[in-house]
Structures are given as C-alpha cells and as structure tokens.
Amino acid sequence: MVLICQMCGSSLDVNKAINNVVTCEYCDVATNIHGFVHLNMSSDERASALMKRGFVLLEFKVWDKAKYVLSKAVEYDSKNANAYVGLLMVETNSGNKEDLALHDVELSTYENYQKAFEFADVQLRLELENYNEKSIENKRQAQIEKEEQKRAAEEEKQREREEFAAMERQWQEDKASAMKKTLMVVVPSIIVIVILIFLQL
C-alpha cells in the first residue's frame, strides 16, 4: 500500500507507521494509514507551512530535504519570495540568511536570487541587495588574495632561481679557483723537474 503525503506529495513508508500513523520525513505531517489526512489549507497556507519546515531543515543543514520541501512550497505558491531565498540558501549551503553574505560568488547570478528579488517586498529586496553587494566584495577580495598569492609564489620561484644561479656561479668560481691553485702548485713542480732532468743531461 502506497500513501502520499497530502502536504508535500512525498511517498510515505507504511512500514514506519506507529499506531497507524506515518509521519512524513520531509514535512512532518502525520497521515493515518487507513486514509489520507485531510488538510483544510489553501495553497498559500501549504506553501507557508512547507517554507517554515524548509527553513528548519536549512538550519540543521539537511540540504536535500530542504530543497525538496522548498521546491514543493514554490509549486503551491510560485510567488513565494522566501521559498526562493530558501532554495538559494540550499544552492549556497547557507544555514541562515545572513550566511548568504559570506559567499564569494555573486548571488545575483543565481536564478533563485532573481526569483526571490522579483517577488520580494521592499525589506527583503534591501536584504538581498545587501547580501549580493557583500558577496561581490567577497569575490573581489578573494581575487585580490589569489593574485597576491600568485605574485608571492612567482617571487618565491624567482628568488629560488636567483639563489640557484648564485650557487652555480659560486661553484664555477670555486672550481676555477681550485684549478688555479692546482696549476700554481703543479706548474712550478713540472718546471723544477724539467730543469733537473735538463741538468742531468
């Protein structure tokens, strides 16, 4: 026997029933296995209930379930700005709305941001604009840091190359110096030997 949650439409596992009642793992609505629970709720009320449940799931970072529930909220109310904000939070793995300001990816590039902004009231629009501006600044700072790290890495490589070149020069100089010292000892010795040989003749 397959039951469908009347709130969010997910399948219910009858084997998990307790006292003939199955609780939906997504939206927490209880359904009697002998018949569907009748919900006397409008689409807007269902959307609102699902949205609240979605935000609880977001707080606990249960991303998949939050996405499912918030998507259902949008199905019931396609102009629910907060549900779109919730879906944006899922996309950015944000546990609460304020975390949206911490990202270094421009939020306005997300479709759910655009939908939320389209249907938002004045207050929510201001919040979204603020989060977006902060995300743009974070992105700019991240790029600056990346460029600084790249420049530091290049400077380190250049320093290592210069150190290696200096060591190579020193090695060549030491080699030349050692050769010169050897010649200074060997050449006079050869000359002495040649003179001695010549004298013996």
N, C-alpha and C. Protein backbone atom coordinates (compact mmCIF):
# COMPACT_ATOMS: atom_id res chain seq x y z
N MET A 1 0.85 -1.19 0.00
CA MET A 1 0.00 0.00 0.00
C MET A 1 0.89 1.25 0.00
N VAL A 2 0.62 2.14 -0.92
CA VAL A 2 1.42 3.37 -1.02
C VAL A 2 0.58 4.56 -0.60
N LEU A 3 1.11 5.32 0.32
CA LEU A 3 0.45 6.55 0.76
C LEU A 3 1.24 7.74 0.27
N ILE A 4 0.54 8.80 0.01
CA ILE A 4 1.18 10.05 -0.43
C ILE A 4 0.89 11.12 0.61
N CYS A 5 1.92 11.84 1.00
CA CYS A 5 1.74 12.95 1.95
C CYS A 5 0.92 14.03 1.27
N GLN A 6 -0.16 14.43 1.94
CA GLN A 6 -1.04 15.45 1.37
C GLN A 6 -0.46 16.85 1.46
N MET A 7 0.58 16.99 2.26
CA MET A 7 1.21 18.31 2.37
C MET A 7 2.23 18.52 1.25
N CYS A 8 3.20 17.58 1.18
CA CYS A 8 4.30 17.83 0.23
C CYS A 8 4.33 16.85 -0.94
N GLY A 9 3.49 15.81 -0.90
CA GLY A 9 3.41 14.90 -2.04
C GLY A 9 4.44 13.79 -2.06
N SER A 10 5.25 13.67 -1.01
CA SER A 10 6.25 12.60 -1.00
C SER A 10 5.60 11.27 -0.62
N SER A 11 6.25 10.17 -1.01
CA SER A 11 5.74 8.84 -0.67
C SER A 11 5.97 8.55 0.80
N LEU A 12 5.01 7.88 1.41
CA LEU A 12 5.12 7.54 2.83
C LEU A 12 5.34 6.03 2.98
N ASP A 13 6.22 5.64 3.86
CA ASP A 13 6.52 4.23 4.11
C ASP A 13 5.57 3.72 5.19
N VAL A 14 4.60 2.91 4.78
CA VAL A 14 3.59 2.37 5.71
C VAL A 14 4.25 1.54 6.80
N ASN A 15 5.39 0.90 6.49
CA ASN A 15 6.08 0.06 7.47
C ASN A 15 6.62 0.86 8.65
N LYS A 16 6.68 2.17 8.48
CA LYS A 16 7.18 3.02 9.57
C LYS A 16 6.04 3.60 10.42
N ALA A 17 4.85 3.11 10.18
CA ALA A 17 3.68 3.62 10.91
C ALA A 17 3.76 3.27 12.40
N ILE A 18 3.37 4.21 13.23
CA ILE A 18 3.27 3.99 14.67
C ILE A 18 1.84 4.32 15.05
N ASN A 19 1.15 3.31 15.62
CA ASN A 19 -0.28 3.48 15.95
C ASN A 19 -1.08 3.92 14.72
N ASN A 20 -0.79 3.27 13.58
CA ASN A 20 -1.48 3.51 12.31
C ASN A 20 -1.24 4.91 11.73
N VAL A 21 -0.21 5.59 12.20
CA VAL A 21 0.10 6.93 11.70
C VAL A 21 1.54 6.96 11.17
N VAL A 22 1.68 7.48 9.95
CA VAL A 22 3.01 7.65 9.35
C VAL A 22 3.32 9.14 9.30
N THR A 23 4.51 9.49 9.77
CA THR A 23 4.93 10.89 9.73
C THR A 23 5.84 11.10 8.53
N CYS A 24 5.54 12.10 7.73
CA CYS A 24 6.34 12.40 6.55
C CYS A 24 7.74 12.84 6.96
N GLU A 25 8.76 12.21 6.38
CA GLU A 25 10.13 12.55 6.74
C GLU A 25 10.56 13.91 6.19
N TYR A 26 9.78 14.46 5.27
CA TYR A 26 10.14 15.75 4.69
C TYR A 26 9.46 16.93 5.39
N CYS A 27 8.15 16.82 5.57
CA CYS A 27 7.44 17.98 6.11
C CYS A 27 6.82 17.74 7.49
N ASP A 28 6.97 16.52 8.03
CA ASP A 28 6.50 16.18 9.38
C ASP A 28 4.98 16.11 9.54
N VAL A 29 4.23 16.10 8.43
CA VAL A 29 2.78 15.97 8.53
C VAL A 29 2.44 14.50 8.76
N ALA A 30 1.52 14.24 9.71
CA ALA A 30 1.13 12.86 10.05
C ALA A 30 -0.06 12.43 9.20
N THR A 31 0.00 11.18 8.70
CA THR A 31 -1.06 10.62 7.87
C THR A 31 -1.49 9.28 8.45
N ASN A 32 -2.82 9.08 8.58
CA ASN A 32 -3.36 7.81 9.05
C ASN A 32 -3.31 6.81 7.91
N ILE A 33 -2.82 5.58 8.17
CA ILE A 33 -2.67 4.61 7.08
C ILE A 33 -4.01 4.11 6.55
N HIS A 34 -5.11 4.37 7.26
CA HIS A 34 -6.42 3.94 6.79
C HIS A 34 -7.10 4.98 5.92
N GLY A 35 -6.43 6.06 5.73
CA GLY A 35 -6.99 7.12 4.88
C GLY A 35 -6.15 8.36 4.99
N PHE A 36 -6.14 9.17 3.94
CA PHE A 36 -5.31 10.38 3.95
C PHE A 36 -5.80 11.38 4.97
N VAL A 37 -4.87 12.09 5.54
CA VAL A 37 -5.24 13.18 6.42
C VAL A 37 -5.77 14.31 5.53
N HIS A 38 -6.92 14.80 5.88
CA HIS A 38 -7.49 15.89 5.07
C HIS A 38 -6.96 17.21 5.61
N LEU A 39 -6.30 17.93 4.75
CA LEU A 39 -5.74 19.21 5.17
C LEU A 39 -6.62 20.33 4.64
N ASN A 40 -7.24 21.03 5.54
CA ASN A 40 -8.08 22.17 5.17
C ASN A 40 -7.20 23.40 5.06
N MET A 41 -6.34 23.42 4.03
CA MET A 41 -5.41 24.53 3.88
C MET A 41 -5.42 25.00 2.44
N SER A 42 -5.27 26.29 2.28
CA SER A 42 -5.16 26.85 0.92
C SER A 42 -3.75 26.58 0.40
N SER A 43 -3.55 26.82 -0.87
CA SER A 43 -2.21 26.65 -1.46
C SER A 43 -1.20 27.55 -0.79
N ASP A 44 -1.60 28.79 -0.52
CA ASP A 44 -0.70 29.74 0.14
C ASP A 44 -0.32 29.26 1.54
N GLU A 45 -1.31 28.70 2.27
CA GLU A 45 -1.05 28.21 3.62
C GLU A 45 -0.11 27.00 3.58
N ARG A 46 -0.33 26.13 2.60
CA ARG A 46 0.57 24.97 2.45
C ARG A 46 1.98 25.44 2.12
N ALA A 47 2.07 26.40 1.22
CA ALA A 47 3.39 26.93 0.84
C ALA A 47 4.10 27.52 2.05
N SER A 48 3.34 28.25 2.86
CA SER A 48 3.91 28.88 4.05
C SER A 48 4.39 27.82 5.05
N ALA A 49 3.57 26.78 5.25
CA ALA A 49 3.94 25.71 6.18
C ALA A 49 5.18 24.97 5.69
N LEU A 50 5.20 24.68 4.39
CA LEU A 50 6.37 23.98 3.81
C LEU A 50 7.62 24.86 3.89
N MET A 51 7.43 26.16 3.66
CA MET A 51 8.58 27.07 3.71
C MET A 51 9.18 27.09 5.12
N LYS A 52 8.31 27.15 6.13
CA LYS A 52 8.80 27.15 7.52
C LYS A 52 9.55 25.86 7.82
N ARG A 53 9.00 24.74 7.36
CA ARG A 53 9.68 23.45 7.55
C ARG A 53 11.02 23.44 6.82
N GLY A 54 11.04 24.01 5.61
CA GLY A 54 12.28 24.07 4.83
C GLY A 54 13.36 24.85 5.55
N PHE A 55 12.99 25.95 6.20
CA PHE A 55 13.98 26.77 6.90
C PHE A 55 14.51 26.06 8.16
N VAL A 56 13.67 25.23 8.78
CA VAL A 56 14.16 24.42 9.90
C VAL A 56 15.20 23.42 9.40
N LEU A 57 14.91 22.79 8.26
CA LEU A 57 15.85 21.84 7.67
C LEU A 57 17.15 22.54 7.25
N LEU A 58 17.04 23.76 6.76
CA LEU A 58 18.23 24.54 6.39
C LEU A 58 19.10 24.80 7.61
N GLU A 59 18.44 25.15 8.71
CA GLU A 59 19.17 25.44 9.94
C GLU A 59 20.01 24.25 10.38
N PHE A 60 19.47 23.04 10.15
CA PHE A 60 20.18 21.82 10.52
C PHE A 60 21.00 21.26 9.36
N LYS A 61 21.08 22.04 8.28
CA LYS A 61 21.91 21.70 7.11
C LYS A 61 21.52 20.37 6.46
N VAL A 62 20.22 20.08 6.44
CA VAL A 62 19.71 18.89 5.76
C VAL A 62 19.30 19.35 4.35
N TRP A 63 20.31 19.53 3.50
CA TRP A 63 20.13 20.22 2.23
C TRP A 63 19.13 19.55 1.29
N ASP A 64 19.22 18.23 1.12
CA ASP A 64 18.34 17.53 0.17
C ASP A 64 16.87 17.67 0.54
N LYS A 65 16.58 17.43 1.82
CA LYS A 65 15.18 17.52 2.26
C LYS A 65 14.68 18.97 2.19
N ALA A 66 15.56 19.89 2.56
CA ALA A 66 15.18 21.31 2.49
C ALA A 66 14.86 21.70 1.05
N LYS A 67 15.66 21.25 0.12
CA LYS A 67 15.42 21.56 -1.29
C LYS A 67 14.08 20.99 -1.74
N TYR A 68 13.81 19.74 -1.35
CA TYR A 68 12.55 19.09 -1.74
C TYR A 68 11.35 19.87 -1.19
N VAL A 69 11.39 20.17 0.10
CA VAL A 69 10.26 20.85 0.75
C VAL A 69 10.06 22.25 0.18
N LEU A 70 11.14 22.98 -0.02
CA LEU A 70 11.03 24.36 -0.54
C LEU A 70 10.58 24.37 -2.00
N SER A 71 11.00 23.35 -2.75
CA SER A 71 10.52 23.23 -4.14
C SER A 71 9.01 23.00 -4.16
N LYS A 72 8.53 22.20 -3.21
CA LYS A 72 7.08 21.97 -3.09
C LYS A 72 6.37 23.26 -2.70
N ALA A 73 6.99 24.05 -1.83
CA ALA A 73 6.39 25.33 -1.43
C ALA A 73 6.20 26.23 -2.65
N VAL A 74 7.20 26.23 -3.53
CA VAL A 74 7.13 27.04 -4.75
C VAL A 74 6.04 26.51 -5.69
N GLU A 75 5.85 25.19 -5.69
CA GLU A 75 4.78 24.63 -6.52
C GLU A 75 3.41 25.12 -6.06
N TYR A 76 3.24 25.22 -4.74
CA TYR A 76 1.97 25.70 -4.20
C TYR A 76 1.81 27.21 -4.36
N ASP A 77 2.93 27.93 -4.26
CA ASP A 77 2.89 29.40 -4.38
C ASP A 77 4.13 29.84 -5.14
N SER A 78 3.96 30.02 -6.45
CA SER A 78 5.10 30.34 -7.32
C SER A 78 5.64 31.76 -7.11
N LYS A 79 4.97 32.55 -6.25
CA LYS A 79 5.43 33.91 -5.98
C LYS A 79 5.92 34.07 -4.55
N ASN A 80 6.23 32.94 -3.91
CA ASN A 80 6.70 32.98 -2.52
C ASN A 80 8.20 33.31 -2.50
N ALA A 81 8.50 34.58 -2.30
CA ALA A 81 9.89 35.05 -2.35
C ALA A 81 10.78 34.34 -1.34
N ASN A 82 10.26 34.12 -0.13
CA ASN A 82 11.07 33.49 0.92
C ASN A 82 11.43 32.04 0.57
N ALA A 83 10.53 31.35 -0.12
CA ALA A 83 10.84 29.98 -0.55
C ALA A 83 12.00 30.00 -1.54
N TYR A 84 12.02 30.99 -2.42
CA TYR A 84 13.14 31.12 -3.38
C TYR A 84 14.44 31.45 -2.64
N VAL A 85 14.33 32.29 -1.59
CA VAL A 85 15.51 32.59 -0.77
C VAL A 85 16.02 31.29 -0.15
N GLY A 86 15.09 30.46 0.35
CA GLY A 86 15.48 29.16 0.92
C GLY A 86 16.20 28.29 -0.10
N LEU A 87 15.68 28.26 -1.32
CA LEU A 87 16.33 27.46 -2.37
C LEU A 87 17.72 28.03 -2.71
N LEU A 88 17.86 29.35 -2.66
CA LEU A 88 19.17 29.97 -2.85
C LEU A 88 20.12 29.54 -1.73
N MET A 89 19.60 29.47 -0.52
CA MET A 89 20.40 29.03 0.62
C MET A 89 20.85 27.58 0.46
N VAL A 90 19.97 26.75 -0.12
CA VAL A 90 20.36 25.36 -0.40
C VAL A 90 21.52 25.34 -1.39
N GLU A 91 21.39 26.13 -2.45
CA GLU A 91 22.43 26.16 -3.50
C GLU A 91 23.78 26.61 -2.96
N THR A 92 23.75 27.52 -1.97
CA THR A 92 24.99 28.08 -1.44
C THR A 92 25.38 27.45 -0.10
N ASN A 93 24.63 26.41 0.31
CA ASN A 93 24.89 25.73 1.60
C ASN A 93 24.94 26.74 2.76
N SER A 94 23.92 27.58 2.82
CA SER A 94 23.83 28.58 3.88
C SER A 94 22.80 28.13 4.91
N GLY A 95 23.22 28.04 6.16
CA GLY A 95 22.31 27.59 7.22
C GLY A 95 21.30 28.65 7.62
N ASN A 96 21.65 29.93 7.41
CA ASN A 96 20.70 31.01 7.67
C ASN A 96 20.92 32.12 6.64
N LYS A 97 19.99 33.05 6.57
CA LYS A 97 20.04 34.07 5.51
C LYS A 97 21.32 34.90 5.57
N GLU A 98 21.78 35.20 6.79
CA GLU A 98 22.97 36.04 6.94
C GLU A 98 24.21 35.39 6.31
N ASP A 99 24.22 34.05 6.25
CA ASP A 99 25.36 33.35 5.65
C ASP A 99 25.49 33.64 4.16
N LEU A 100 24.42 34.11 3.54
CA LEU A 100 24.48 34.44 2.11
C LEU A 100 25.52 35.53 1.84
N ALA A 101 25.74 36.39 2.83
CA ALA A 101 26.69 37.49 2.67
C ALA A 101 28.14 37.02 2.75
N LEU A 102 28.35 35.75 3.12
CA LEU A 102 29.71 35.25 3.32
C LEU A 102 30.32 34.65 2.06
N HIS A 103 29.51 34.47 1.03
CA HIS A 103 29.99 33.78 -0.17
C HIS A 103 30.78 34.71 -1.09
N ASP A 104 31.67 34.10 -1.87
CA ASP A 104 32.46 34.90 -2.80
C ASP A 104 32.04 34.63 -4.25
N VAL A 105 30.76 34.27 -4.41
CA VAL A 105 30.16 34.12 -5.74
C VAL A 105 28.99 35.10 -5.79
N GLU A 106 28.94 35.88 -6.84
CA GLU A 106 27.89 36.90 -6.95
C GLU A 106 26.51 36.25 -6.91
N LEU A 107 25.73 36.59 -5.88
CA LEU A 107 24.43 35.94 -5.67
C LEU A 107 23.44 36.22 -6.80
N SER A 108 23.53 37.40 -7.41
CA SER A 108 22.56 37.77 -8.44
C SER A 108 22.68 36.91 -9.69
N THR A 109 23.72 36.08 -9.77
CA THR A 109 23.86 35.18 -10.92
C THR A 109 22.99 33.93 -10.76
N TYR A 110 22.46 33.70 -9.55
CA TYR A 110 21.61 32.53 -9.30
C TYR A 110 20.16 32.84 -9.70
N GLU A 111 19.53 31.87 -10.33
CA GLU A 111 18.13 32.04 -10.75
C GLU A 111 17.21 32.23 -9.55
N ASN A 112 17.47 31.48 -8.45
CA ASN A 112 16.62 31.61 -7.26
C ASN A 112 16.75 33.00 -6.62
N TYR A 113 17.92 33.62 -6.73
CA TYR A 113 18.08 35.00 -6.25
C TYR A 113 17.18 35.92 -7.08
N GLN A 114 17.23 35.75 -8.37
CA GLN A 114 16.45 36.60 -9.27
C GLN A 114 14.95 36.44 -9.01
N LYS A 115 14.51 35.18 -8.79
CA LYS A 115 13.09 34.92 -8.50
C LYS A 115 12.71 35.55 -7.16
N ALA A 116 13.55 35.35 -6.15
CA ALA A 116 13.27 35.91 -4.82
C ALA A 116 13.18 37.43 -4.91
N PHE A 117 14.11 38.04 -5.65
CA PHE A 117 14.12 39.50 -5.79
C PHE A 117 12.87 39.99 -6.52
N GLU A 118 12.45 39.23 -7.51
CA GLU A 118 11.27 39.61 -8.30
C GLU A 118 10.01 39.68 -7.45
N PHE A 119 9.86 38.72 -6.53
CA PHE A 119 8.62 38.64 -5.74
C PHE A 119 8.77 39.19 -4.32
N ALA A 120 9.94 39.71 -3.97
CA ALA A 120 10.19 40.17 -2.61
C ALA A 120 9.51 41.50 -2.32
N ASP A 121 9.23 41.71 -1.02
CA ASP A 121 8.76 43.04 -0.61
C ASP A 121 9.99 43.94 -0.47
N VAL A 122 9.76 45.19 -0.14
CA VAL A 122 10.84 46.18 -0.09
C VAL A 122 11.94 45.76 0.88
N GLN A 123 11.54 45.29 2.07
CA GLN A 123 12.51 44.90 3.10
C GLN A 123 13.40 43.75 2.62
N LEU A 124 12.77 42.73 2.06
CA LEU A 124 13.54 41.57 1.59
C LEU A 124 14.45 41.94 0.42
N ARG A 125 13.98 42.83 -0.44
CA ARG A 125 14.82 43.28 -1.56
C ARG A 125 16.08 43.98 -1.04
N LEU A 126 15.91 44.81 -0.02
CA LEU A 126 17.06 45.50 0.56
C LEU A 126 18.05 44.49 1.15
N GLU A 127 17.51 43.48 1.83
CA GLU A 127 18.37 42.43 2.40
C GLU A 127 19.13 41.70 1.30
N LEU A 128 18.41 41.33 0.25
CA LEU A 128 19.04 40.59 -0.85
C LEU A 128 20.11 41.43 -1.54
N GLU A 129 19.81 42.71 -1.76
CA GLU A 129 20.80 43.60 -2.37
C GLU A 129 22.05 43.70 -1.50
N ASN A 130 21.83 43.79 -0.19
CA ASN A 130 22.95 43.88 0.76
C ASN A 130 23.80 42.61 0.71
N TYR A 131 23.14 41.44 0.73
CA TYR A 131 23.88 40.17 0.65
C TYR A 131 24.65 40.08 -0.66
N ASN A 132 24.01 40.53 -1.73
CA ASN A 132 24.65 40.46 -3.05
C ASN A 132 25.88 41.36 -3.11
N GLU A 133 25.75 42.59 -2.58
CA GLU A 133 26.88 43.53 -2.57
C GLU A 133 28.05 42.95 -1.77
N LYS A 134 27.73 42.32 -0.64
CA LYS A 134 28.79 41.72 0.19
C LYS A 134 29.44 40.54 -0.53
N SER A 135 28.62 39.76 -1.24
CA SER A 135 29.19 38.62 -1.98
C SER A 135 30.10 39.11 -3.11
N ILE A 136 29.72 40.24 -3.74
CA ILE A 136 30.57 40.83 -4.80
C ILE A 136 31.89 41.31 -4.19
N GLU A 137 31.80 41.96 -3.01
CA GLU A 137 33.02 42.43 -2.34
C GLU A 137 33.90 41.25 -1.93
N ASN A 138 33.25 40.17 -1.42
CA ASN A 138 34.00 38.96 -1.05
C ASN A 138 34.70 38.37 -2.26
N LYS A 139 34.00 38.38 -3.39
CA LYS A 139 34.58 37.85 -4.64
C LYS A 139 35.79 38.69 -5.03
N ARG A 140 35.65 40.02 -4.92
CA ARG A 140 36.75 40.92 -5.27
C ARG A 140 37.95 40.69 -4.35
N GLN A 141 37.67 40.55 -3.05
CA GLN A 141 38.74 40.31 -2.08
C GLN A 141 39.42 38.96 -2.35
N ALA A 142 38.61 37.96 -2.68
CA ALA A 142 39.16 36.63 -2.97
C ALA A 142 40.07 36.68 -4.19
N GLN A 143 39.68 37.48 -5.20
CA GLN A 143 40.51 37.63 -6.40
C GLN A 143 41.82 38.35 -6.07
N ILE A 144 41.73 39.37 -5.22
CA ILE A 144 42.93 40.11 -4.81
C ILE A 144 43.88 39.17 -4.07
N GLU A 145 43.33 38.39 -3.13
CA GLU A 145 44.15 37.45 -2.37
C GLU A 145 44.78 36.40 -3.28
N LYS A 146 44.00 35.94 -4.25
CA LYS A 146 44.51 34.95 -5.20
C LYS A 146 45.67 35.53 -6.01
N GLU A 147 45.49 36.78 -6.46
CA GLU A 147 46.55 37.44 -7.24
C GLU A 147 47.79 37.66 -6.38
N GLU A 148 47.57 38.03 -5.11
CA GLU A 148 48.71 38.24 -4.20
C GLU A 148 49.45 36.93 -3.95
N GLN A 149 48.69 35.85 -3.78
CA GLN A 149 49.31 34.54 -3.58
C GLN A 149 50.10 34.12 -4.82
N LYS A 150 49.52 34.39 -5.99
CA LYS A 150 50.19 34.06 -7.25
C LYS A 150 51.48 34.86 -7.38
N ARG A 151 51.39 36.17 -7.05
CA ARG A 151 52.57 37.03 -7.14
C ARG A 151 53.64 36.57 -6.14
N ALA A 152 53.21 36.22 -4.92
CA ALA A 152 54.16 35.74 -3.91
C ALA A 152 54.82 34.45 -4.36
N ALA A 153 54.04 33.57 -4.98
CA ALA A 153 54.59 32.29 -5.48
C ALA A 153 55.60 32.55 -6.60
N GLU A 154 55.29 33.50 -7.48
CA GLU A 154 56.20 33.85 -8.57
C GLU A 154 57.49 34.47 -8.03
N GLU A 155 57.35 35.34 -7.01
CA GLU A 155 58.53 35.95 -6.39
C GLU A 155 59.39 34.90 -5.71
N GLU A 156 58.75 33.92 -5.07
CA GLU A 156 59.48 32.83 -4.42
C GLU A 156 60.24 32.00 -5.45
N LYS A 157 59.58 31.71 -6.57
CA LYS A 157 60.25 30.96 -7.65
C LYS A 157 61.44 31.75 -8.19
N GLN A 158 61.23 33.06 -8.39
CA GLN A 158 62.31 33.91 -8.90
C GLN A 158 63.48 33.93 -7.91
N ARG A 159 63.16 34.03 -6.62
CA ARG A 159 64.20 34.03 -5.58
C ARG A 159 64.97 32.71 -5.61
N GLU A 160 64.22 31.59 -5.76
CA GLU A 160 64.88 30.28 -5.82
C GLU A 160 65.78 30.18 -7.06
N ARG A 161 65.30 30.74 -8.21
CA ARG A 161 66.11 30.72 -9.43
C ARG A 161 67.39 31.53 -9.24
N GLU A 162 67.24 32.71 -8.60
CA GLU A 162 68.41 33.56 -8.36
C GLU A 162 69.40 32.89 -7.41
N GLU A 163 68.87 32.24 -6.36
CA GLU A 163 69.73 31.53 -5.42
C GLU A 163 70.48 30.40 -6.13
N PHE A 164 69.76 29.68 -6.98
CA PHE A 164 70.38 28.58 -7.71
C PHE A 164 71.47 29.11 -8.65
N ALA A 165 71.16 30.24 -9.33
CA ALA A 165 72.15 30.84 -10.25
C ALA A 165 73.37 31.30 -9.48
N ALA A 166 73.15 31.89 -8.28
CA ALA A 166 74.27 32.34 -7.45
C ALA A 166 75.12 31.15 -7.00
N MET A 167 74.45 30.06 -6.62
CA MET A 167 75.18 28.85 -6.21
C MET A 167 75.98 28.29 -7.38
N GLU A 168 75.40 28.32 -8.56
CA GLU A 168 76.08 27.83 -9.77
C GLU A 168 77.32 28.68 -10.05
N ARG A 169 77.16 30.02 -9.94
CA ARG A 169 78.31 30.91 -10.16
C ARG A 169 79.41 30.65 -9.13
N GLN A 170 78.97 30.49 -7.86
CA GLN A 170 79.94 30.23 -6.79
C GLN A 170 80.68 28.91 -7.04
N TRP A 171 79.91 27.91 -7.49
CA TRP A 171 80.54 26.61 -7.77
C TRP A 171 81.56 26.74 -8.89
N GLN A 172 81.21 27.51 -9.94
CA GLN A 172 82.13 27.73 -11.06
C GLN A 172 83.37 28.49 -10.59
N GLU A 173 83.15 29.50 -9.75
CA GLU A 173 84.27 30.28 -9.23
C GLU A 173 85.18 29.43 -8.36
N ASP A 174 84.55 28.60 -7.50
CA ASP A 174 85.34 27.71 -6.63
C ASP A 174 86.13 26.72 -7.46
N LYS A 175 85.50 26.21 -8.52
CA LYS A 175 86.17 25.25 -9.40
C LYS A 175 87.37 25.91 -10.09
N ALA A 176 87.13 27.15 -10.58
CA ALA A 176 88.22 27.88 -11.25
C ALA A 176 89.34 28.17 -10.27
N SER A 177 88.97 28.56 -9.06
CA SER A 177 89.97 28.87 -8.03
C SER A 177 90.78 27.63 -7.67
N ALA A 178 90.08 26.50 -7.54
CA ALA A 178 90.77 25.25 -7.22
C ALA A 178 91.71 24.86 -8.34
N MET A 179 91.28 25.06 -9.59
CA MET A 179 92.13 24.76 -10.75
C MET A 179 93.36 25.65 -10.75
N LYS A 180 93.16 26.94 -10.43
CA LYS A 180 94.27 27.89 -10.40
C LYS A 180 95.29 27.49 -9.34
N LYS A 181 94.77 27.11 -8.15
CA LYS A 181 95.68 26.69 -7.08
C LYS A 181 96.45 25.44 -7.48
N THR A 182 95.75 24.53 -8.12
CA THR A 182 96.39 23.29 -8.56
C THR A 182 97.51 23.62 -9.56
N LEU A 183 97.19 24.50 -10.51
CA LEU A 183 98.19 24.88 -11.51
C LEU A 183 99.38 25.59 -10.87
N MET A 184 99.11 26.41 -9.84
CA MET A 184 100.18 27.13 -9.17
C MET A 184 101.14 26.17 -8.47
N VAL A 185 100.63 25.02 -8.07
CA VAL A 185 101.48 24.02 -7.42
C VAL A 185 102.13 23.12 -8.45
N VAL A 186 101.32 22.69 -9.43
CA VAL A 186 101.79 21.70 -10.39
C VAL A 186 102.80 22.30 -11.38
N VAL A 187 102.53 23.48 -11.93
CA VAL A 187 103.40 24.07 -12.96
C VAL A 187 104.82 24.30 -12.44
N PRO A 188 104.99 24.93 -11.27
CA PRO A 188 106.36 25.10 -10.79
C PRO A 188 107.07 23.75 -10.57
N SER A 189 106.28 22.77 -10.09
CA SER A 189 106.87 21.44 -9.87
C SER A 189 107.36 20.85 -11.17
N ILE A 190 106.58 21.01 -12.22
CA ILE A 190 106.97 20.48 -13.54
C ILE A 190 108.22 21.20 -14.02
N ILE A 191 108.24 22.51 -13.82
CA ILE A 191 109.40 23.29 -14.27
C ILE A 191 110.67 22.81 -13.55
N VAL A 192 110.54 22.59 -12.23
CA VAL A 192 111.69 22.11 -11.44
C VAL A 192 112.16 20.76 -11.96
N ILE A 193 111.18 19.87 -12.22
CA ILE A 193 111.52 18.53 -12.71
C ILE A 193 112.22 18.63 -14.06
N VAL A 194 111.69 19.48 -14.93
CA VAL A 194 112.29 19.65 -16.27
C VAL A 194 113.72 20.18 -16.14
N ILE A 195 113.92 21.16 -15.25
CA ILE A 195 115.26 21.74 -15.05
C ILE A 195 116.24 20.67 -14.55
N LEU A 196 115.76 19.86 -13.57
CA LEU A 196 116.62 18.80 -13.01
C LEU A 196 117.00 17.80 -14.08
N ILE A 197 116.03 17.44 -14.89
CA ILE A 197 116.29 16.48 -15.97
C ILE A 197 117.29 17.08 -16.94
N PHE A 198 117.12 18.35 -17.28
CA PHE A 198 117.98 19.02 -18.23
C PHE A 198 119.43 19.10 -17.68
N LEU A 199 119.55 19.36 -16.37
CA LEU A 199 120.86 19.46 -15.75
C LEU A 199 121.58 18.13 -15.74
N GLN A 200 120.79 17.06 -15.58
CA GLN A 200 121.40 15.73 -15.57
C GLN A 200 121.91 15.34 -16.95
N LEU A 201 121.35 15.90 -17.95
CA LEU A 201 121.81 15.60 -19.31
C LEU A 201 123.11 16.36 -19.54
